[in-house]
Full PDB file with SEQRES, HELIX, SHEET, SSBOND, CRYST1, ORIGX, SCALE, CONECT and MASTER records, all heavy atoms in Angstrom:
SEQRES   1 A   32  TYR THR GLU LEU VAL LYS LEU ALA GLU GLY LYS SER VAL          
SEQRES   2 A   32  ILE VAL ASN CYS ASP ILE GLU GLN ASP PHE LYS MET THR          
SEQRES   3 A   32  PRO ALA GLN LEU GLU ALA                                      
HELIX    1 AA1 THR A    2  LEU A    7  1                                   6    
HELIX    2 AA2 ILE A   19  GLN A   21  5                                   3    
HELIX    3 AA3 PRO A   27  GLU A   31  1                                   5    
CRYST1    1.000    1.000    1.000  90.00  90.00  90.00 P 1           1          
ORIGX1      1.000000  0.000000  0.000000        0.00000                         
ORIGX2      0.000000  1.000000  0.000000        0.00000                         
ORIGX3      0.000000  0.000000  1.000000        0.00000                         
SCALE1      1.000000  0.000000  0.000000        0.00000                         
SCALE2      0.000000  1.000000  0.000000        0.00000                         
SCALE3      0.000000  0.000000  1.000000        0.00000                         
ATOM      1  N   TYR A   1     138.383 -23.130  99.575  1.00  0.00           N  
ATOM      2  CA  TYR A   1     138.566 -22.472 100.856  1.00  0.00           C  
ATOM      3  C   TYR A   1     139.836 -21.654 100.957  1.00  0.00           C  
ATOM      4  O   TYR A   1     139.842 -20.478 101.297  1.00  0.00           O  
ATOM      5  CB  TYR A   1     138.571 -23.485 102.025  1.00  0.00           C  
ATOM      6  CG  TYR A   1     137.252 -24.288 102.171  1.00  0.00           C  
ATOM      7  CD1 TYR A   1     137.308 -25.562 102.690  1.00  0.00           C  
ATOM      8  CD2 TYR A   1     136.041 -23.729 101.854  1.00  0.00           C  
ATOM      9  CE1 TYR A   1     136.130 -26.278 102.886  1.00  0.00           C  
ATOM     10  CE2 TYR A   1     134.879 -24.450 102.022  1.00  0.00           C  
ATOM     11  CZ  TYR A   1     134.900 -25.737 102.551  1.00  0.00           C  
ATOM     12  OH  TYR A   1     133.780 -26.457 102.714  1.00  0.00           O  
ATOM     13  N   THR A   2     140.960 -22.301 100.652  1.00  0.00           N  
ATOM     14  CA  THR A   2     142.242 -21.605 100.806  1.00  0.00           C  
ATOM     15  C   THR A   2     142.395 -20.416  99.815  1.00  0.00           C  
ATOM     16  O   THR A   2     143.018 -19.412 100.151  1.00  0.00           O  
ATOM     17  CB  THR A   2     143.414 -22.591 100.602  1.00  0.00           C  
ATOM     18  OG1 THR A   2     143.253 -23.271  99.331  1.00  0.00           O  
ATOM     19  CG2 THR A   2     143.488 -23.579 101.713  1.00  0.00           C  
ATOM     20  N   GLU A   3     141.797 -20.569  98.670  1.00  0.00           N  
ATOM     21  CA  GLU A   3     141.875 -19.468  97.691  1.00  0.00           C  
ATOM     22  C   GLU A   3     141.072 -18.261  98.125  1.00  0.00           C  
ATOM     23  O   GLU A   3     141.486 -17.094  97.912  1.00  0.00           O  
ATOM     24  CB  GLU A   3     141.434 -19.996  96.286  1.00  0.00           C  
ATOM     25  CG  GLU A   3     142.199 -21.197  95.788  1.00  0.00           C  
ATOM     26  CD  GLU A   3     143.712 -20.990  95.842  1.00  0.00           C  
ATOM     27  OE1 GLU A   3     144.210 -19.987  95.294  1.00  0.00           O  
ATOM     28  OE2 GLU A   3     144.407 -21.836  96.474  1.00  0.00           O  
ATOM     29  N   LEU A   4     139.937 -18.504  98.720  1.00  0.00           N  
ATOM     30  CA  LEU A   4     139.130 -17.378  99.236  1.00  0.00           C  
ATOM     31  C   LEU A   4     139.843 -16.662 100.389  1.00  0.00           C  
ATOM     32  O   LEU A   4     139.769 -15.445 100.533  1.00  0.00           O  
ATOM     33  CB  LEU A   4     137.742 -17.852  99.675  1.00  0.00           C  
ATOM     34  CG  LEU A   4     136.816 -18.328  98.583  1.00  0.00           C  
ATOM     35  CD1 LEU A   4     135.490 -18.855  99.155  1.00  0.00           C  
ATOM     36  CD2 LEU A   4     136.501 -17.223  97.577  1.00  0.00           C  
ATOM     37  N   VAL A   5     140.530 -17.471 101.240  1.00  0.00           N  
ATOM     38  CA  VAL A   5     141.322 -16.845 102.295  1.00  0.00           C  
ATOM     39  C   VAL A   5     142.431 -15.979 101.692  1.00  0.00           C  
ATOM     40  O   VAL A   5     142.718 -14.889 102.203  1.00  0.00           O  
ATOM     41  CB  VAL A   5     141.890 -17.933 103.227  1.00  0.00           C  
ATOM     42  CG1 VAL A   5     142.862 -17.335 104.248  1.00  0.00           C  
ATOM     43  CG2 VAL A   5     140.778 -18.650 103.991  1.00  0.00           C  
ATOM     44  N   LYS A   6     143.064 -16.457 100.635  1.00  0.00           N  
ATOM     45  CA  LYS A   6     144.047 -15.636  99.951  1.00  0.00           C  
ATOM     46  C   LYS A   6     143.472 -14.296  99.459  1.00  0.00           C  
ATOM     47  O   LYS A   6     144.066 -13.241  99.608  1.00  0.00           O  
ATOM     48  CB  LYS A   6     144.606 -16.364  98.722  1.00  0.00           C  
ATOM     49  CG  LYS A   6     145.624 -17.430  98.987  1.00  0.00           C  
ATOM     50  CD  LYS A   6     146.122 -17.984  97.622  1.00  0.00           C  
ATOM     51  CE  LYS A   6     146.887 -19.275  97.809  1.00  0.00           C  
ATOM     52  NZ  LYS A   6     147.237 -19.856  96.488  1.00  0.00           N  
ATOM     53  N   LEU A   7     142.260 -14.371  98.872  1.00  0.00           N  
ATOM     54  CA  LEU A   7     141.599 -13.148  98.365  1.00  0.00           C  
ATOM     55  C   LEU A   7     141.386 -12.166  99.506  1.00  0.00           C  
ATOM     56  O   LEU A   7     141.488 -10.937  99.302  1.00  0.00           O  
ATOM     57  CB  LEU A   7     140.277 -13.491  97.735  1.00  0.00           C  
ATOM     58  CG  LEU A   7     140.254 -13.835  96.245  1.00  0.00           C  
ATOM     59  CD1 LEU A   7     138.852 -14.139  95.786  1.00  0.00           C  
ATOM     60  CD2 LEU A   7     140.840 -12.679  95.419  1.00  0.00           C  
ATOM     61  N   ALA A   8     141.076 -12.651 100.686  1.00  0.00           N  
ATOM     62  CA  ALA A   8     140.842 -11.792 101.857  1.00  0.00           C  
ATOM     63  C   ALA A   8     142.142 -11.378 102.520  1.00  0.00           C  
ATOM     64  O   ALA A   8     142.112 -10.672 103.506  1.00  0.00           O  
ATOM     65  CB  ALA A   8     139.926 -12.512 102.834  1.00  0.00           C  
ATOM     66  N   GLU A   9     143.281 -11.847 101.973  1.00  0.00           N  
ATOM     67  CA  GLU A   9     144.614 -11.573 102.486  1.00  0.00           C  
ATOM     68  C   GLU A   9     144.818 -12.114 103.901  1.00  0.00           C  
ATOM     69  O   GLU A   9     145.599 -11.626 104.717  1.00  0.00           O  
ATOM     70  CB  GLU A   9     144.913 -10.044 102.482  1.00  0.00           C  
ATOM     71  CG  GLU A   9     144.884  -9.479 101.086  1.00  0.00           C  
ATOM     72  CD  GLU A   9     145.185  -8.006 101.058  1.00  0.00           C  
ATOM     73  OE1 GLU A   9     146.255  -7.574 101.480  1.00  0.00           O  
ATOM     74  OE2 GLU A   9     144.291  -7.233 100.610  1.00  0.00           O  
ATOM     75  N   GLY A  10     144.104 -13.230 104.152  1.00  0.00           N  
ATOM     76  CA  GLY A  10     144.330 -13.968 105.393  1.00  0.00           C  
ATOM     77  C   GLY A  10     145.357 -15.059 105.209  1.00  0.00           C  
ATOM     78  O   GLY A  10     145.912 -15.233 104.112  1.00  0.00           O  
ATOM     79  N   LYS A  11     145.561 -15.841 106.235  1.00  0.00           N  
ATOM     80  CA  LYS A  11     146.545 -16.948 106.185  1.00  0.00           C  
ATOM     81  C   LYS A  11     145.841 -18.227 106.573  1.00  0.00           C  
ATOM     82  O   LYS A  11     145.251 -18.323 107.657  1.00  0.00           O  
ATOM     83  CB  LYS A  11     147.700 -16.689 107.173  1.00  0.00           C  
ATOM     84  CG  LYS A  11     148.718 -17.812 107.230  1.00  0.00           C  
ATOM     85  CD  LYS A  11     149.742 -17.598 108.337  1.00  0.00           C  
ATOM     86  CE  LYS A  11     150.692 -18.811 108.444  1.00  0.00           C  
ATOM     87  NZ  LYS A  11     151.626 -18.636 109.597  1.00  0.00           N  
ATOM     88  N   SER A  12     145.911 -19.228 105.681  1.00  0.00           N  
ATOM     89  CA  SER A  12     145.339 -20.548 105.985  1.00  0.00           C  
ATOM     90  C   SER A  12     146.271 -21.340 106.874  1.00  0.00           C  
ATOM     91  O   SER A  12     147.469 -21.472 106.578  1.00  0.00           O  
ATOM     92  CB  SER A  12     145.051 -21.328 104.680  1.00  0.00           C  
ATOM     93  OG  SER A  12     144.084 -20.691 103.910  1.00  0.00           O  
ATOM     94  N   VAL A  13     145.707 -21.884 107.950  1.00  0.00           N  
ATOM     95  CA  VAL A  13     146.487 -22.765 108.841  1.00  0.00           C  
ATOM     96  C   VAL A  13     145.896 -24.157 108.651  1.00  0.00           C  
ATOM     97  O   VAL A  13     144.745 -24.444 109.059  1.00  0.00           O  
ATOM     98  CB  VAL A  13     146.337 -22.315 110.304  1.00  0.00           C  
ATOM     99  CG1 VAL A  13     147.031 -23.314 111.242  1.00  0.00           C  
ATOM    100  CG2 VAL A  13     146.934 -20.911 110.499  1.00  0.00           C  
ATOM    101  N   ILE A  14     146.653 -25.022 108.003  1.00  0.00           N  
ATOM    102  CA  ILE A  14     146.127 -26.350 107.595  1.00  0.00           C  
ATOM    103  C   ILE A  14     146.419 -27.386 108.687  1.00  0.00           C  
ATOM    104  O   ILE A  14     147.548 -27.473 109.194  1.00  0.00           O  
ATOM    105  CB  ILE A  14     146.781 -26.773 106.257  1.00  0.00           C  
ATOM    106  CG1 ILE A  14     146.606 -25.690 105.182  1.00  0.00           C  
ATOM    107  CG2 ILE A  14     146.190 -28.100 105.798  1.00  0.00           C  
ATOM    108  CD1 ILE A  14     145.178 -25.295 104.920  1.00  0.00           C  
ATOM    109  N   VAL A  15     145.402 -28.112 109.033  1.00  0.00           N  
ATOM    110  CA  VAL A  15     145.489 -29.216 110.006  1.00  0.00           C  
ATOM    111  C   VAL A  15     145.247 -30.528 109.284  1.00  0.00           C  
ATOM    112  O   VAL A  15     144.135 -30.780 108.812  1.00  0.00           O  
ATOM    113  CB  VAL A  15     144.484 -29.004 111.186  1.00  0.00           C  
ATOM    114  CG1 VAL A  15     144.566 -30.163 112.137  1.00  0.00           C  
ATOM    115  CG2 VAL A  15     144.705 -27.681 111.859  1.00  0.00           C  
ATOM    116  N   ASN A  16     146.253 -31.372 109.196  1.00  0.00           N  
ATOM    117  CA  ASN A  16     146.125 -32.645 108.456  1.00  0.00           C  
ATOM    118  C   ASN A  16     145.314 -33.632 109.251  1.00  0.00           C  
ATOM    119  O   ASN A  16     145.577 -33.939 110.424  1.00  0.00           O  
ATOM    120  CB  ASN A  16     147.508 -33.229 108.129  1.00  0.00           C  
ATOM    121  CG  ASN A  16     148.194 -32.465 107.005  1.00  0.00           C  
ATOM    122  OD1 ASN A  16     147.540 -31.821 106.211  1.00  0.00           O  
ATOM    123  ND2 ASN A  16     149.516 -32.557 106.951  1.00  0.00           N  
ATOM    124  N   CYS A  17     144.324 -34.218 108.570  1.00  0.00           N  
ATOM    125  CA  CYS A  17     143.420 -35.204 109.190  1.00  0.00           C  
ATOM    126  C   CYS A  17     143.291 -36.381 108.202  1.00  0.00           C  
ATOM    127  O   CYS A  17     142.480 -36.312 107.272  1.00  0.00           O  
ATOM    128  CB  CYS A  17     142.055 -34.604 109.459  1.00  0.00           C  
ATOM    129  SG  CYS A  17     142.109 -33.081 110.446  1.00  0.00           S  
ATOM    130  N   ASP A  18     144.083 -37.385 108.337  1.00  0.00           N  
ATOM    131  CA  ASP A  18     144.153 -38.439 107.337  1.00  0.00           C  
ATOM    132  C   ASP A  18     143.099 -39.521 107.558  1.00  0.00           C  
ATOM    133  O   ASP A  18     142.251 -39.422 108.443  1.00  0.00           O  
ATOM    134  CB  ASP A  18     145.565 -39.003 107.230  1.00  0.00           C  
ATOM    135  CG  ASP A  18     146.034 -39.714 108.498  1.00  0.00           C  
ATOM    136  OD1 ASP A  18     145.166 -40.037 109.355  1.00  0.00           O  
ATOM    137  OD2 ASP A  18     147.247 -39.958 108.624  1.00  0.00           O  
ATOM    138  N   ILE A  19     143.244 -40.585 106.749  1.00  0.00           N  
ATOM    139  CA  ILE A  19     142.212 -41.632 106.776  1.00  0.00           C  
ATOM    140  C   ILE A  19     142.188 -42.375 108.105  1.00  0.00           C  
ATOM    141  O   ILE A  19     141.126 -42.914 108.506  1.00  0.00           O  
ATOM    142  CB  ILE A  19     142.489 -42.629 105.618  1.00  0.00           C  
ATOM    143  CG1 ILE A  19     141.244 -43.492 105.349  1.00  0.00           C  
ATOM    144  CG2 ILE A  19     143.721 -43.457 105.869  1.00  0.00           C  
ATOM    145  CD1 ILE A  19     141.309 -44.293 104.050  1.00  0.00           C  
ATOM    146  N   GLU A  20     143.296 -42.364 108.848  1.00  0.00           N  
ATOM    147  CA  GLU A  20     143.364 -43.082 110.135  1.00  0.00           C  
ATOM    148  C   GLU A  20     142.402 -42.431 111.142  1.00  0.00           C  
ATOM    149  O   GLU A  20     141.938 -43.119 112.088  1.00  0.00           O  
ATOM    150  CB  GLU A  20     144.752 -43.080 110.690  1.00  0.00           C  
ATOM    151  CG  GLU A  20     145.784 -43.757 109.779  1.00  0.00           C  
ATOM    152  CD  GLU A  20     145.462 -45.202 109.406  1.00  0.00           C  
ATOM    153  OE1 GLU A  20     144.815 -45.859 110.245  1.00  0.00           O  
ATOM    154  OE2 GLU A  20     145.847 -45.641 108.324  1.00  0.00           O  
ATOM    155  N   GLN A  21     142.107 -41.148 111.004  1.00  0.00           N  
ATOM    156  CA  GLN A  21     141.156 -40.477 111.886  1.00  0.00           C  
ATOM    157  C   GLN A  21     139.846 -40.108 111.123  1.00  0.00           C  
ATOM    158  O   GLN A  21     139.149 -39.198 111.527  1.00  0.00           O  
ATOM    159  CB  GLN A  21     141.800 -39.261 112.536  1.00  0.00           C  
ATOM    160  CG  GLN A  21     142.273 -38.181 111.567  1.00  0.00           C  
ATOM    161  CD  GLN A  21     143.180 -37.180 112.237  1.00  0.00           C  
ATOM    162  OE1 GLN A  21     144.374 -37.411 112.443  1.00  0.00           O  
ATOM    163  NE2 GLN A  21     142.620 -36.002 112.647  1.00  0.00           N  
ATOM    164  N   ASP A  22     139.601 -40.879 110.052  1.00  0.00           N  
ATOM    165  CA  ASP A  22     138.414 -40.686 109.260  1.00  0.00           C  
ATOM    166  C   ASP A  22     138.318 -39.240 108.738  1.00  0.00           C  
ATOM    167  O   ASP A  22     137.190 -38.723 108.568  1.00  0.00           O  
ATOM    168  CB  ASP A  22     137.156 -41.068 110.054  1.00  0.00           C  
ATOM    169  CG  ASP A  22     135.960 -41.342 109.161  1.00  0.00           C  
ATOM    170  OD1 ASP A  22     136.173 -41.602 107.963  1.00  0.00           O  
ATOM    171  OD2 ASP A  22     134.825 -41.246 109.652  1.00  0.00           O  
ATOM    172  N   PHE A  23     139.436 -38.626 108.502  1.00  0.00           N  
ATOM    173  CA  PHE A  23     139.536 -37.285 107.885  1.00  0.00           C  
ATOM    174  C   PHE A  23     138.849 -36.196 108.732  1.00  0.00           C  
ATOM    175  O   PHE A  23     138.390 -35.194 108.201  1.00  0.00           O  
ATOM    176  CB  PHE A  23     138.897 -37.289 106.490  1.00  0.00           C  
ATOM    177  CG  PHE A  23     139.461 -38.332 105.576  1.00  0.00           C  
ATOM    178  CD1 PHE A  23     138.705 -39.427 105.153  1.00  0.00           C  
ATOM    179  CD2 PHE A  23     140.773 -38.254 105.116  1.00  0.00           C  
ATOM    180  CE1 PHE A  23     139.216 -40.377 104.293  1.00  0.00           C  
ATOM    181  CE2 PHE A  23     141.307 -39.221 104.257  1.00  0.00           C  
ATOM    182  CZ  PHE A  23     140.516 -40.296 103.834  1.00  0.00           C  
ATOM    183  N   LYS A  24     138.787 -36.376 110.037  1.00  0.00           N  
ATOM    184  CA  LYS A  24     138.128 -35.436 110.940  1.00  0.00           C  
ATOM    185  C   LYS A  24     139.092 -34.883 111.965  1.00  0.00           C  
ATOM    186  O   LYS A  24     139.910 -35.621 112.541  1.00  0.00           O  
ATOM    187  CB  LYS A  24     136.909 -36.088 111.653  1.00  0.00           C  
ATOM    188  CG  LYS A  24     135.788 -36.382 110.661  1.00  0.00           C  
ATOM    189  CD  LYS A  24     134.590 -37.028 111.329  1.00  0.00           C  
ATOM    190  CE  LYS A  24     134.797 -38.479 111.649  1.00  0.00           C  
ATOM    191  NZ  LYS A  24     133.543 -39.136 112.064  1.00  0.00           N  
ATOM    192  N   MET A  25     139.006 -33.583 112.232  1.00  0.00           N  
ATOM    193  CA  MET A  25     139.877 -32.901 113.167  1.00  0.00           C  
ATOM    194  C   MET A  25     139.461 -33.194 114.594  1.00  0.00           C  
ATOM    195  O   MET A  25     138.275 -33.223 114.929  1.00  0.00           O  
ATOM    196  CB  MET A  25     139.811 -31.398 112.926  1.00  0.00           C  
ATOM    197  CG  MET A  25     140.762 -30.586 113.771  1.00  0.00           C  
ATOM    198  SD  MET A  25     140.771 -28.870 113.260  1.00  0.00           S  
ATOM    199  CE  MET A  25     139.029 -28.413 113.476  1.00  0.00           C  
ATOM    200  N   THR A  26     140.425 -33.435 115.457  1.00  0.00           N  
ATOM    201  CA  THR A  26     140.132 -33.689 116.874  1.00  0.00           C  
ATOM    202  C   THR A  26     140.168 -32.357 117.636  1.00  0.00           C  
ATOM    203  O   THR A  26     140.777 -31.393 117.201  1.00  0.00           O  
ATOM    204  CB  THR A  26     141.181 -34.649 117.462  1.00  0.00           C  
ATOM    205  OG1 THR A  26     142.466 -33.965 117.458  1.00  0.00           O  
ATOM    206  CG2 THR A  26     141.287 -35.933 116.671  1.00  0.00           C  
ATOM    207  N   PRO A  27     139.524 -32.321 118.814  1.00  0.00           N  
ATOM    208  CA  PRO A  27     139.619 -31.152 119.643  1.00  0.00           C  
ATOM    209  C   PRO A  27     141.062 -30.759 119.970  1.00  0.00           C  
ATOM    210  O   PRO A  27     141.381 -29.582 120.027  1.00  0.00           O  
ATOM    211  CB  PRO A  27     138.832 -31.545 120.897  1.00  0.00           C  
ATOM    212  CG  PRO A  27     137.837 -32.573 120.418  1.00  0.00           C  
ATOM    213  CD  PRO A  27     138.552 -33.318 119.366  1.00  0.00           C  
ATOM    214  N   ALA A  28     141.902 -31.763 120.223  1.00  0.00           N  
ATOM    215  CA  ALA A  28     143.312 -31.458 120.525  1.00  0.00           C  
ATOM    216  C   ALA A  28     144.030 -30.804 119.359  1.00  0.00           C  
ATOM    217  O   ALA A  28     144.813 -29.856 119.519  1.00  0.00           O  
ATOM    218  CB  ALA A  28     144.025 -32.754 120.893  1.00  0.00           C  
ATOM    219  N   GLN A  29     143.717 -31.248 118.141  1.00  0.00           N  
ATOM    220  CA  GLN A  29     144.329 -30.607 116.964  1.00  0.00           C  
ATOM    221  C   GLN A  29     143.813 -29.172 116.824  1.00  0.00           C  
ATOM    222  O   GLN A  29     144.599 -28.272 116.445  1.00  0.00           O  
ATOM    223  CB  GLN A  29     143.943 -31.406 115.677  1.00  0.00           C  
ATOM    224  CG  GLN A  29     144.716 -32.692 115.518  1.00  0.00           C  
ATOM    225  CD  GLN A  29     144.318 -33.421 114.259  1.00  0.00           C  
ATOM    226  OE1 GLN A  29     143.148 -33.721 114.056  1.00  0.00           O  
ATOM    227  NE2 GLN A  29     145.304 -33.678 113.404  1.00  0.00           N  
ATOM    228  N   LEU A  30     142.556 -28.932 117.080  1.00  0.00           N  
ATOM    229  CA  LEU A  30     141.998 -27.610 116.998  1.00  0.00           C  
ATOM    230  C   LEU A  30     142.680 -26.702 118.012  1.00  0.00           C  
ATOM    231  O   LEU A  30     143.140 -25.576 117.666  1.00  0.00           O  
ATOM    232  CB  LEU A  30     140.494 -27.633 117.214  1.00  0.00           C  
ATOM    233  CG  LEU A  30     139.804 -26.268 117.321  1.00  0.00           C  
ATOM    234  CD1 LEU A  30     140.022 -25.425 116.083  1.00  0.00           C  
ATOM    235  CD2 LEU A  30     138.314 -26.452 117.588  1.00  0.00           C  
ATOM    236  N   GLU A  31     142.767 -27.129 119.240  1.00  0.00           N  
ATOM    237  CA  GLU A  31     143.375 -26.355 120.281  1.00  0.00           C  
ATOM    238  C   GLU A  31     144.826 -25.997 119.959  1.00  0.00           C  
ATOM    239  O   GLU A  31     145.257 -24.844 120.134  1.00  0.00           O  
ATOM    240  CB  GLU A  31     143.307 -27.125 121.633  1.00  0.00           C  
ATOM    241  CG  GLU A  31     143.789 -26.356 122.832  1.00  0.00           C  
ATOM    242  CD  GLU A  31     142.759 -25.335 123.350  1.00  0.00           C  
ATOM    243  OE1 GLU A  31     141.767 -25.769 123.997  1.00  0.00           O  
ATOM    244  OE2 GLU A  31     142.932 -24.155 123.079  1.00  0.00           O  
ATOM    245  N   ALA A  32     145.533 -26.979 119.410  1.00  0.00           N  
ATOM    246  CA  ALA A  32     146.945 -26.747 119.061  1.00  0.00           C  
ATOM    247  C   ALA A  32     147.141 -25.746 117.920  1.00  0.00           C  
ATOM    248  O   ALA A  32     148.168 -25.081 117.817  1.00  0.00           O  
ATOM    249  CB  ALA A  32     147.603 -28.079 118.700  1.00  0.00           C  
TER     250      ALA A  32                                                      
MASTER        0    0    0    3    0    0    0    6  249    1    0    3          
END                                                                             
């Protein structure tokens, strides 16, 4: 994913979602 974004000259914004949240992004994280 991040490499394809590089090819398109975009910028990857990474949101960490660890095992404590079952590796899933929350709505609050998305909004932020």
